[in-house]
C-alpha cells in the first residue's frame, strides 16, 4: 500500500530549487543575466512555498511543525529503535532544514538584488562576501540534508527519497 506524503507543488518547488542552486553555484557566472533571473525565480519559489505552508492540506503545512525539545527527543528515540512513523512528513530536524533553506534563499535573493539593482551598492565587497557566504552555507546545508536523509532513511527504515520524487511512500 502507498500513502501520499508530498503534494506535487512541494516536490516541484524542492527540485526546482535544487536545479537553480546547482546552476547558480556550479555552472553560471556570478552576476550573469541567467544567474540573476534564476535567483529571482528561486525567491518566487520560496514565496510560493511560504504561502503553501499555510494552505497545504497535507504534511507541507506549517501547522504540522513540532519543534519542541520533546518532539526532537521523540524523533531520536524512534530513530534509535529503528522505527520512524511511516505516515508523516518532516521530522523536527527536517523542519529546521526547511526554515534554514527558506532563510538562506531569501538572504541570497535580497543580497543579490541589492548588489545588482541598487546603484549605490553595485560592487560593494561586503555585500558580495555576505552573498558568497550565504551560498556556501546553503551548499553545506544541502550536503547535511542529503547525508541526513540517507542516514535517517537507513537507520529509521523509512523511504525518504521516493516520496520526494513520486509523492508517495510504501507502507509495509
N, C-alpha and C. Protein backbone atom coordinates (compact mmCIF):
# COMPACT_ATOMS: atom_id res chain seq x y z
N UNK A 1 0.84 -1.18 0.00
CA UNK A 1 0.00 0.00 0.00
C UNK A 1 0.89 1.25 0.00
N UNK A 2 0.42 2.28 -0.69
CA UNK A 2 1.16 3.54 -0.76
C UNK A 2 0.35 4.63 -0.05
N UNK A 3 1.06 5.50 0.66
CA UNK A 3 0.41 6.62 1.33
C UNK A 3 1.02 7.91 0.77
N UNK A 4 0.15 8.89 0.51
CA UNK A 4 0.62 10.17 -0.04
C UNK A 4 1.30 10.98 1.06
N UNK A 5 2.49 11.44 0.76
CA UNK A 5 3.27 12.25 1.70
C UNK A 5 3.40 13.68 1.20
N UNK A 6 3.91 13.87 -0.02
CA UNK A 6 4.22 15.21 -0.51
C UNK A 6 3.36 15.58 -1.71
N UNK A 7 2.74 16.73 -1.61
CA UNK A 7 1.94 17.31 -2.69
C UNK A 7 2.87 17.61 -3.88
N UNK A 8 2.35 17.53 -5.10
CA UNK A 8 3.19 17.85 -6.28
C UNK A 8 3.84 19.23 -6.21
N UNK A 9 3.15 20.22 -5.67
CA UNK A 9 3.74 21.57 -5.60
C UNK A 9 4.99 21.57 -4.73
N UNK A 10 4.95 20.87 -3.61
CA UNK A 10 6.13 20.79 -2.73
C UNK A 10 7.30 20.17 -3.50
N UNK A 11 7.03 19.11 -4.22
CA UNK A 11 8.09 18.42 -4.96
C UNK A 11 8.63 19.28 -6.09
N UNK A 12 7.76 19.99 -6.80
CA UNK A 12 8.21 20.88 -7.89
C UNK A 12 9.10 21.98 -7.33
N UNK A 13 8.67 22.58 -6.21
CA UNK A 13 9.48 23.64 -5.60
C UNK A 13 10.83 23.07 -5.15
N UNK A 14 10.81 21.94 -4.48
CA UNK A 14 12.05 21.33 -3.99
C UNK A 14 13.05 21.10 -5.11
N UNK A 15 12.62 20.38 -6.16
CA UNK A 15 13.56 20.03 -7.23
C UNK A 15 13.94 21.24 -8.08
N UNK A 16 13.05 22.21 -8.19
CA UNK A 16 13.40 23.45 -8.91
C UNK A 16 14.48 24.21 -8.16
N UNK A 17 14.35 24.29 -6.83
CA UNK A 17 15.38 24.96 -6.03
C UNK A 17 16.71 24.21 -6.12
N UNK A 18 16.67 22.90 -6.13
CA UNK A 18 17.89 22.11 -6.30
C UNK A 18 18.56 22.47 -7.62
N UNK A 19 17.79 22.47 -8.70
CA UNK A 19 18.34 22.77 -10.03
C UNK A 19 18.88 24.20 -10.10
N UNK A 20 18.15 25.14 -9.55
CA UNK A 20 18.59 26.54 -9.56
C UNK A 20 19.88 26.70 -8.77
N UNK A 21 19.95 26.07 -7.60
CA UNK A 21 21.16 26.20 -6.80
C UNK A 21 22.36 25.60 -7.53
N UNK A 22 22.20 24.41 -8.09
CA UNK A 22 23.31 23.78 -8.82
C UNK A 22 23.76 24.66 -9.98
N UNK A 23 22.80 25.20 -10.73
CA UNK A 23 23.15 26.06 -11.86
C UNK A 23 23.88 27.31 -11.39
N UNK A 24 23.35 27.99 -10.38
CA UNK A 24 23.96 29.24 -9.95
C UNK A 24 25.27 29.04 -9.19
N UNK A 25 25.40 27.95 -8.47
CA UNK A 25 26.61 27.74 -7.67
C UNK A 25 27.75 27.14 -8.48
N UNK A 26 27.41 26.21 -9.37
CA UNK A 26 28.45 25.46 -10.07
C UNK A 26 28.63 25.79 -11.54
N UNK A 27 27.60 26.29 -12.21
CA UNK A 27 27.64 26.38 -13.67
C UNK A 27 27.72 27.82 -14.17
N UNK A 28 26.82 28.66 -13.72
CA UNK A 28 26.71 30.01 -14.28
C UNK A 28 27.72 30.97 -13.68
N UNK A 29 28.06 31.97 -14.46
CA UNK A 29 28.95 33.03 -13.98
C UNK A 29 28.18 33.93 -13.03
N UNK A 30 28.78 34.20 -11.87
CA UNK A 30 28.14 35.08 -10.89
C UNK A 30 27.83 36.43 -11.53
N UNK A 31 26.62 36.90 -11.31
CA UNK A 31 26.21 38.19 -11.84
C UNK A 31 25.70 38.16 -13.27
N UNK A 32 25.80 37.02 -13.94
CA UNK A 32 25.29 36.94 -15.32
C UNK A 32 23.77 37.08 -15.32
N UNK A 33 23.22 37.40 -16.47
CA UNK A 33 21.76 37.55 -16.56
C UNK A 33 21.04 36.28 -16.12
N UNK A 34 21.53 35.12 -16.57
CA UNK A 34 20.90 33.85 -16.19
C UNK A 34 20.97 33.64 -14.68
N UNK A 35 22.11 33.96 -14.08
CA UNK A 35 22.29 33.84 -12.63
C UNK A 35 21.25 34.69 -11.91
N UNK A 36 21.10 35.92 -12.37
CA UNK A 36 20.13 36.83 -11.74
C UNK A 36 18.70 36.33 -11.89
N UNK A 37 18.33 35.94 -13.11
CA UNK A 37 16.95 35.50 -13.34
C UNK A 37 16.63 34.23 -12.58
N UNK A 38 17.58 33.32 -12.50
CA UNK A 38 17.34 32.12 -11.71
C UNK A 38 17.25 32.47 -10.22
N UNK A 39 18.01 33.46 -9.79
CA UNK A 39 17.89 33.93 -8.40
C UNK A 39 16.51 34.49 -8.12
N UNK A 40 15.98 35.28 -9.05
CA UNK A 40 14.62 35.81 -8.89
C UNK A 40 13.60 34.67 -8.87
N UNK A 41 13.82 33.67 -9.72
CA UNK A 41 12.92 32.51 -9.76
C UNK A 41 12.95 31.77 -8.42
N UNK A 42 14.14 31.64 -7.83
CA UNK A 42 14.26 30.98 -6.53
C UNK A 42 13.48 31.73 -5.46
N UNK A 43 13.59 33.05 -5.46
CA UNK A 43 12.85 33.85 -4.48
C UNK A 43 11.35 33.70 -4.69
N UNK A 44 10.92 33.67 -5.94
CA UNK A 44 9.49 33.47 -6.23
C UNK A 44 9.04 32.10 -5.73
N UNK A 45 9.86 31.07 -5.94
CA UNK A 45 9.52 29.73 -5.44
C UNK A 45 9.44 29.71 -3.92
N UNK A 46 10.35 30.41 -3.26
CA UNK A 46 10.32 30.49 -1.80
C UNK A 46 9.04 31.18 -1.34
N UNK A 47 8.64 32.24 -2.03
CA UNK A 47 7.39 32.93 -1.68
C UNK A 47 6.20 31.99 -1.83
N UNK A 48 6.16 31.24 -2.91
CA UNK A 48 5.08 30.27 -3.12
C UNK A 48 5.10 29.22 -2.01
N UNK A 49 6.30 28.76 -1.64
CA UNK A 49 6.41 27.74 -0.58
C UNK A 49 5.90 28.27 0.75
N UNK A 50 6.21 29.52 1.05
CA UNK A 50 5.73 30.11 2.30
C UNK A 50 4.21 30.18 2.29
N UNK A 51 3.64 30.66 1.21
CA UNK A 51 2.17 30.72 1.10
C UNK A 51 1.59 29.32 1.22
N UNK A 52 2.17 28.37 0.49
CA UNK A 52 1.67 26.99 0.51
C UNK A 52 1.79 26.39 1.92
N UNK A 53 2.76 26.85 2.68
CA UNK A 53 2.94 26.37 4.04
C UNK A 53 1.76 26.66 4.94
N UNK A 54 0.95 27.64 4.55
CA UNK A 54 -0.24 27.97 5.34
C UNK A 54 -1.51 27.33 4.81
N UNK A 55 -1.49 26.85 3.56
CA UNK A 55 -2.73 26.32 2.97
C UNK A 55 -2.63 24.86 2.53
N UNK A 56 -1.45 24.28 2.56
CA UNK A 56 -1.29 22.87 2.16
C UNK A 56 -2.18 21.99 3.05
N UNK A 57 -2.98 21.12 2.43
CA UNK A 57 -3.82 20.24 3.23
C UNK A 57 -3.06 19.05 3.82
N UNK A 58 -1.78 18.91 3.49
CA UNK A 58 -1.01 17.75 3.93
C UNK A 58 0.15 18.10 4.84
N UNK A 59 1.21 17.29 4.70
CA UNK A 59 2.37 17.39 5.59
C UNK A 59 3.25 18.61 5.34
N UNK A 60 3.01 19.36 4.27
CA UNK A 60 3.79 20.55 3.98
C UNK A 60 3.27 21.79 4.70
N UNK A 61 2.18 21.63 5.45
CA UNK A 61 1.59 22.76 6.16
C UNK A 61 2.41 23.06 7.42
N UNK A 62 2.61 24.33 7.67
CA UNK A 62 3.38 24.74 8.84
C UNK A 62 2.71 24.31 10.15
N UNK A 63 1.43 24.00 10.11
CA UNK A 63 0.73 23.52 11.31
C UNK A 63 1.26 22.16 11.75
N UNK A 64 1.93 21.44 10.85
CA UNK A 64 2.46 20.12 11.20
C UNK A 64 3.85 20.22 11.84
N UNK A 65 4.35 21.44 12.02
CA UNK A 65 5.68 21.63 12.60
C UNK A 65 5.63 21.40 14.11
N UNK A 66 6.53 20.56 14.58
CA UNK A 66 6.69 20.32 16.02
C UNK A 66 8.17 20.45 16.33
N UNK A 67 8.55 21.61 16.87
CA UNK A 67 9.97 21.87 17.11
C UNK A 67 10.32 21.91 18.59
N UNK A 68 9.53 21.25 19.41
CA UNK A 68 9.81 21.24 20.84
C UNK A 68 10.96 20.28 21.15
N UNK A 69 11.51 20.44 22.33
CA UNK A 69 12.56 19.53 22.78
C UNK A 69 12.00 18.11 22.87
N UNK A 70 10.76 17.99 23.30
CA UNK A 70 10.12 16.67 23.39
C UNK A 70 9.99 16.02 22.02
N UNK A 71 9.63 16.81 21.01
CA UNK A 71 9.48 16.27 19.65
C UNK A 71 10.82 15.80 19.10
N UNK A 72 11.87 16.55 19.38
CA UNK A 72 13.21 16.16 18.92
C UNK A 72 13.66 14.88 19.64
N UNK A 73 13.42 14.81 20.96
CA UNK A 73 13.77 13.60 21.71
C UNK A 73 12.99 12.40 21.19
N UNK A 74 11.71 12.60 20.90
CA UNK A 74 10.88 11.53 20.37
C UNK A 74 11.42 11.04 19.02
N UNK A 75 11.83 11.98 18.18
CA UNK A 75 12.39 11.60 16.88
C UNK A 75 13.63 10.73 17.06
N UNK A 76 14.54 11.15 17.94
CA UNK A 76 15.76 10.36 18.15
C UNK A 76 15.46 9.01 18.80
N UNK A 77 14.46 8.98 19.67
CA UNK A 77 14.04 7.71 20.27
C UNK A 77 13.53 6.75 19.21
N UNK A 78 12.67 7.26 18.30
CA UNK A 78 12.17 6.42 17.20
C UNK A 78 13.32 5.98 16.29
N UNK A 79 14.24 6.88 16.05
CA UNK A 79 15.38 6.56 15.19
C UNK A 79 16.25 5.48 15.83
N UNK A 80 16.47 5.62 17.14
CA UNK A 80 17.27 4.63 17.87
C UNK A 80 16.61 3.25 17.83
N UNK A 81 15.28 3.24 17.89
CA UNK A 81 14.53 1.98 17.83
C UNK A 81 14.39 1.47 16.40
N UNK A 82 14.89 2.25 15.46
CA UNK A 82 14.82 1.93 14.02
C UNK A 82 13.38 1.82 13.54
N UNK A 83 12.55 2.71 14.07
CA UNK A 83 11.14 2.68 13.68
C UNK A 83 10.59 4.12 13.68
N UNK A 84 10.60 4.74 12.51
CA UNK A 84 10.04 6.08 12.37
C UNK A 84 8.60 5.98 11.88
N UNK A 85 7.77 6.96 12.23
CA UNK A 85 6.38 6.95 11.74
C UNK A 85 6.35 6.99 10.21
N UNK A 86 5.64 6.05 9.61
CA UNK A 86 5.57 5.94 8.15
C UNK A 86 4.69 7.05 7.56
N UNK A 87 3.60 7.36 8.23
CA UNK A 87 2.63 8.31 7.69
C UNK A 87 2.90 9.71 8.24
N UNK A 88 4.09 10.21 7.97
CA UNK A 88 4.44 11.56 8.42
C UNK A 88 5.33 12.23 7.39
N UNK A 89 5.41 13.56 7.50
CA UNK A 89 6.27 14.33 6.61
C UNK A 89 7.62 14.55 7.27
N UNK A 90 7.96 15.82 7.48
CA UNK A 90 9.26 16.15 8.07
C UNK A 90 9.29 15.84 9.56
N UNK A 91 10.45 15.38 10.01
CA UNK A 91 10.70 15.29 11.45
C UNK A 91 11.13 16.68 11.91
N UNK A 92 11.30 16.90 13.23
CA UNK A 92 11.66 18.25 13.70
C UNK A 92 12.93 18.82 13.06
N UNK A 93 13.93 17.97 12.87
CA UNK A 93 15.17 18.46 12.27
C UNK A 93 14.98 18.75 10.78
N UNK A 94 14.12 17.99 10.13
CA UNK A 94 13.78 18.27 8.74
C UNK A 94 13.12 19.63 8.60
N UNK A 95 12.23 19.95 9.55
CA UNK A 95 11.59 21.27 9.51
C UNK A 95 12.61 22.38 9.74
N UNK A 96 13.57 22.14 10.62
CA UNK A 96 14.62 23.16 10.81
C UNK A 96 15.36 23.40 9.50
N UNK A 97 15.60 22.34 8.74
CA UNK A 97 16.27 22.49 7.45
C UNK A 97 15.39 23.26 6.48
N UNK A 98 14.09 22.99 6.47
CA UNK A 98 13.17 23.74 5.61
C UNK A 98 13.29 25.23 5.91
N UNK A 99 13.24 25.58 7.18
CA UNK A 99 13.31 27.00 7.55
C UNK A 99 14.68 27.60 7.25
N UNK A 100 15.74 26.82 7.41
CA UNK A 100 17.08 27.30 7.05
C UNK A 100 17.17 27.57 5.55
N UNK A 101 16.64 26.67 4.74
CA UNK A 101 16.67 26.85 3.28
C UNK A 101 15.85 28.07 2.88
N UNK A 102 14.69 28.25 3.49
CA UNK A 102 13.88 29.44 3.20
C UNK A 102 14.66 30.70 3.54
N UNK A 103 15.29 30.72 4.71
CA UNK A 103 16.05 31.90 5.14
C UNK A 103 17.27 32.14 4.24
N UNK A 104 17.98 31.08 3.89
CA UNK A 104 19.18 31.24 3.07
C UNK A 104 18.86 31.69 1.65
N UNK A 105 17.85 31.09 1.02
CA UNK A 105 17.47 31.54 -0.33
C UNK A 105 16.95 32.98 -0.29
N UNK A 106 16.22 33.33 0.76
CA UNK A 106 15.73 34.71 0.89
C UNK A 106 16.91 35.67 1.03
N UNK A 107 17.86 35.31 1.89
CA UNK A 107 19.05 36.14 2.05
C UNK A 107 19.85 36.28 0.77
N UNK A 108 19.97 35.19 0.02
CA UNK A 108 20.66 35.25 -1.27
C UNK A 108 19.92 36.16 -2.24
N UNK A 109 18.60 36.07 -2.24
CA UNK A 109 17.80 36.92 -3.13
C UNK A 109 17.94 38.39 -2.78
N UNK A 110 17.88 38.69 -1.49
CA UNK A 110 17.98 40.09 -1.05
C UNK A 110 19.37 40.65 -1.35
N UNK A 111 20.41 39.92 -0.99
CA UNK A 111 21.77 40.44 -1.24
C UNK A 111 22.06 40.51 -2.74
N UNK A 112 21.60 39.53 -3.49
CA UNK A 112 21.80 39.57 -4.94
C UNK A 112 21.10 40.75 -5.57
N UNK A 113 19.86 40.99 -5.15
CA UNK A 113 19.10 42.13 -5.67
C UNK A 113 19.80 43.44 -5.31
N UNK A 114 20.24 43.55 -4.07
CA UNK A 114 20.91 44.79 -3.63
C UNK A 114 22.18 45.05 -4.43
N UNK A 115 22.94 44.00 -4.70
CA UNK A 115 24.19 44.17 -5.45
C UNK A 115 23.95 44.60 -6.88
N UNK A 116 22.91 44.08 -7.49
CA UNK A 116 22.70 44.31 -8.92
C UNK A 116 21.75 45.45 -9.24
N UNK A 117 20.82 45.73 -8.37
CA UNK A 117 19.77 46.69 -8.71
C UNK A 117 19.86 48.02 -7.98
N UNK A 118 20.64 48.10 -6.93
CA UNK A 118 20.79 49.36 -6.21
C UNK A 118 22.16 49.93 -6.55
N UNK A 119 22.15 50.97 -7.37
CA UNK A 119 23.40 51.53 -7.91
C UNK A 119 24.43 51.84 -6.83
N UNK A 120 23.98 52.38 -5.71
CA UNK A 120 24.92 52.76 -4.65
C UNK A 120 25.64 51.55 -4.05
N UNK A 121 25.08 50.36 -4.22
CA UNK A 121 25.68 49.15 -3.65
C UNK A 121 26.39 48.29 -4.68
N UNK A 122 26.33 48.68 -5.95
CA UNK A 122 26.98 47.89 -7.01
C UNK A 122 28.47 47.78 -6.72
N UNK A 123 28.98 46.56 -6.69
CA UNK A 123 30.40 46.35 -6.44
C UNK A 123 30.78 46.40 -4.97
N UNK A 124 29.80 46.47 -4.07
CA UNK A 124 30.07 46.51 -2.64
C UNK A 124 30.66 45.17 -2.21
N UNK A 125 31.92 45.20 -1.77
CA UNK A 125 32.62 43.94 -1.46
C UNK A 125 32.03 43.23 -0.25
N UNK A 126 31.56 43.98 0.73
CA UNK A 126 30.95 43.35 1.91
C UNK A 126 29.69 42.60 1.51
N UNK A 127 28.87 43.23 0.70
CA UNK A 127 27.64 42.59 0.22
C UNK A 127 27.97 41.35 -0.61
N UNK A 128 28.99 41.45 -1.45
CA UNK A 128 29.41 40.29 -2.25
C UNK A 128 29.88 39.15 -1.35
N UNK A 129 30.61 39.49 -0.29
CA UNK A 129 31.08 38.46 0.64
C UNK A 129 29.91 37.80 1.36
N UNK A 130 28.96 38.59 1.82
CA UNK A 130 27.78 38.04 2.51
C UNK A 130 27.02 37.11 1.56
N UNK A 131 26.84 37.55 0.32
CA UNK A 131 26.15 36.74 -0.68
C UNK A 131 26.90 35.41 -0.89
N UNK A 132 28.21 35.49 -0.97
CA UNK A 132 29.02 34.28 -1.13
C UNK A 132 28.94 33.37 0.08
N UNK A 133 28.98 33.96 1.27
CA UNK A 133 28.87 33.15 2.49
C UNK A 133 27.51 32.43 2.55
N UNK A 134 26.46 33.17 2.22
CA UNK A 134 25.12 32.55 2.23
C UNK A 134 25.06 31.37 1.25
N UNK A 135 25.66 31.54 0.08
CA UNK A 135 25.68 30.45 -0.90
C UNK A 135 26.48 29.26 -0.37
N UNK A 136 27.62 29.54 0.27
CA UNK A 136 28.44 28.46 0.83
C UNK A 136 27.71 27.75 1.97
N UNK A 137 27.02 28.51 2.80
CA UNK A 137 26.25 27.90 3.90
C UNK A 137 25.12 27.04 3.33
N UNK A 138 24.46 27.53 2.28
CA UNK A 138 23.40 26.73 1.65
C UNK A 138 23.98 25.45 1.05
N UNK A 139 25.15 25.53 0.47
CA UNK A 139 25.82 24.34 -0.07
C UNK A 139 26.09 23.34 1.05
N UNK A 140 26.63 23.82 2.17
CA UNK A 140 26.90 22.95 3.32
C UNK A 140 25.60 22.36 3.85
N UNK A 141 24.56 23.17 3.92
CA UNK A 141 23.26 22.69 4.39
C UNK A 141 22.72 21.60 3.47
N UNK A 142 22.92 21.76 2.17
CA UNK A 142 22.46 20.75 1.21
C UNK A 142 23.19 19.42 1.43
N UNK A 143 24.48 19.49 1.71
CA UNK A 143 25.24 18.27 1.99
C UNK A 143 24.72 17.61 3.26
N UNK A 144 24.53 18.40 4.31
CA UNK A 144 23.98 17.87 5.56
C UNK A 144 22.62 17.24 5.31
N UNK A 145 21.79 17.92 4.52
CA UNK A 145 20.45 17.44 4.19
C UNK A 145 20.51 16.06 3.52
N UNK A 146 21.34 15.92 2.52
CA UNK A 146 21.44 14.64 1.79
C UNK A 146 21.97 13.54 2.71
N UNK A 147 23.00 13.83 3.48
CA UNK A 147 23.55 12.83 4.40
C UNK A 147 22.51 12.44 5.45
N UNK A 148 21.80 13.43 5.99
CA UNK A 148 20.77 13.14 6.99
C UNK A 148 19.66 12.27 6.41
N UNK A 149 19.28 12.53 5.18
CA UNK A 149 18.25 11.71 4.52
C UNK A 149 18.73 10.27 4.38
N UNK A 150 19.96 10.10 3.94
CA UNK A 150 20.49 8.74 3.77
C UNK A 150 20.58 8.00 5.10
N UNK A 151 21.11 8.67 6.12
CA UNK A 151 21.25 8.03 7.44
C UNK A 151 19.88 7.77 8.07
N UNK A 152 19.01 8.77 8.03
CA UNK A 152 17.68 8.62 8.63
C UNK A 152 16.87 7.55 7.91
N UNK A 153 16.94 7.53 6.60
CA UNK A 153 16.23 6.51 5.84
C UNK A 153 16.71 5.11 6.17
N UNK A 154 18.03 4.96 6.28
CA UNK A 154 18.60 3.65 6.60
C UNK A 154 18.33 3.28 8.05
N UNK A 155 18.66 4.19 8.95
CA UNK A 155 18.53 3.90 10.39
C UNK A 155 17.07 3.77 10.80
N UNK A 156 16.21 4.60 10.23
CA UNK A 156 14.80 4.59 10.62
C UNK A 156 13.94 3.64 9.80
N UNK A 157 14.59 2.96 8.83
CA UNK A 157 13.86 2.02 7.96
C UNK A 157 12.63 2.67 7.34
N UNK A 158 12.87 3.78 6.69
CA UNK A 158 11.77 4.55 6.10
C UNK A 158 12.21 5.09 4.74
N UNK A 159 11.30 5.10 3.80
CA UNK A 159 11.59 5.67 2.47
C UNK A 159 11.49 7.19 2.56
N UNK A 160 12.56 7.86 2.26
CA UNK A 160 12.55 9.33 2.26
C UNK A 160 12.76 9.90 0.87
N UNK A 161 13.45 9.18 0.01
CA UNK A 161 13.74 9.70 -1.32
C UNK A 161 12.55 9.51 -2.26
N UNK A 162 11.97 8.32 -2.28
CA UNK A 162 10.84 8.05 -3.17
C UNK A 162 9.70 9.07 -2.98
N UNK A 163 9.30 9.40 -1.75
CA UNK A 163 8.20 10.36 -1.60
C UNK A 163 8.50 11.75 -2.19
N UNK A 164 9.77 12.14 -2.22
CA UNK A 164 10.10 13.44 -2.79
C UNK A 164 10.12 13.38 -4.31
N UNK A 165 10.10 12.19 -4.86
CA UNK A 165 10.03 12.02 -6.32
C UNK A 165 8.60 11.72 -6.76
N UNK A 166 7.98 10.74 -6.12
CA UNK A 166 6.63 10.30 -6.53
C UNK A 166 5.52 10.91 -5.70
N UNK A 167 5.86 11.39 -4.52
CA UNK A 167 4.86 11.92 -3.60
C UNK A 167 4.33 10.89 -2.63
N UNK A 168 4.65 9.61 -2.88
CA UNK A 168 4.08 8.54 -2.07
C UNK A 168 5.16 7.68 -1.42
N UNK A 169 4.79 7.14 -0.26
CA UNK A 169 5.68 6.24 0.47
C UNK A 169 5.00 4.89 0.61
N UNK A 170 5.77 3.84 0.44
CA UNK A 170 5.26 2.48 0.60
C UNK A 170 5.10 2.19 2.10
N UNK A 171 3.95 1.67 2.47
CA UNK A 171 3.68 1.27 3.85
C UNK A 171 3.73 -0.24 3.90
N UNK A 172 4.54 -0.77 4.79
CA UNK A 172 4.71 -2.23 4.89
C UNK A 172 3.76 -2.81 5.89
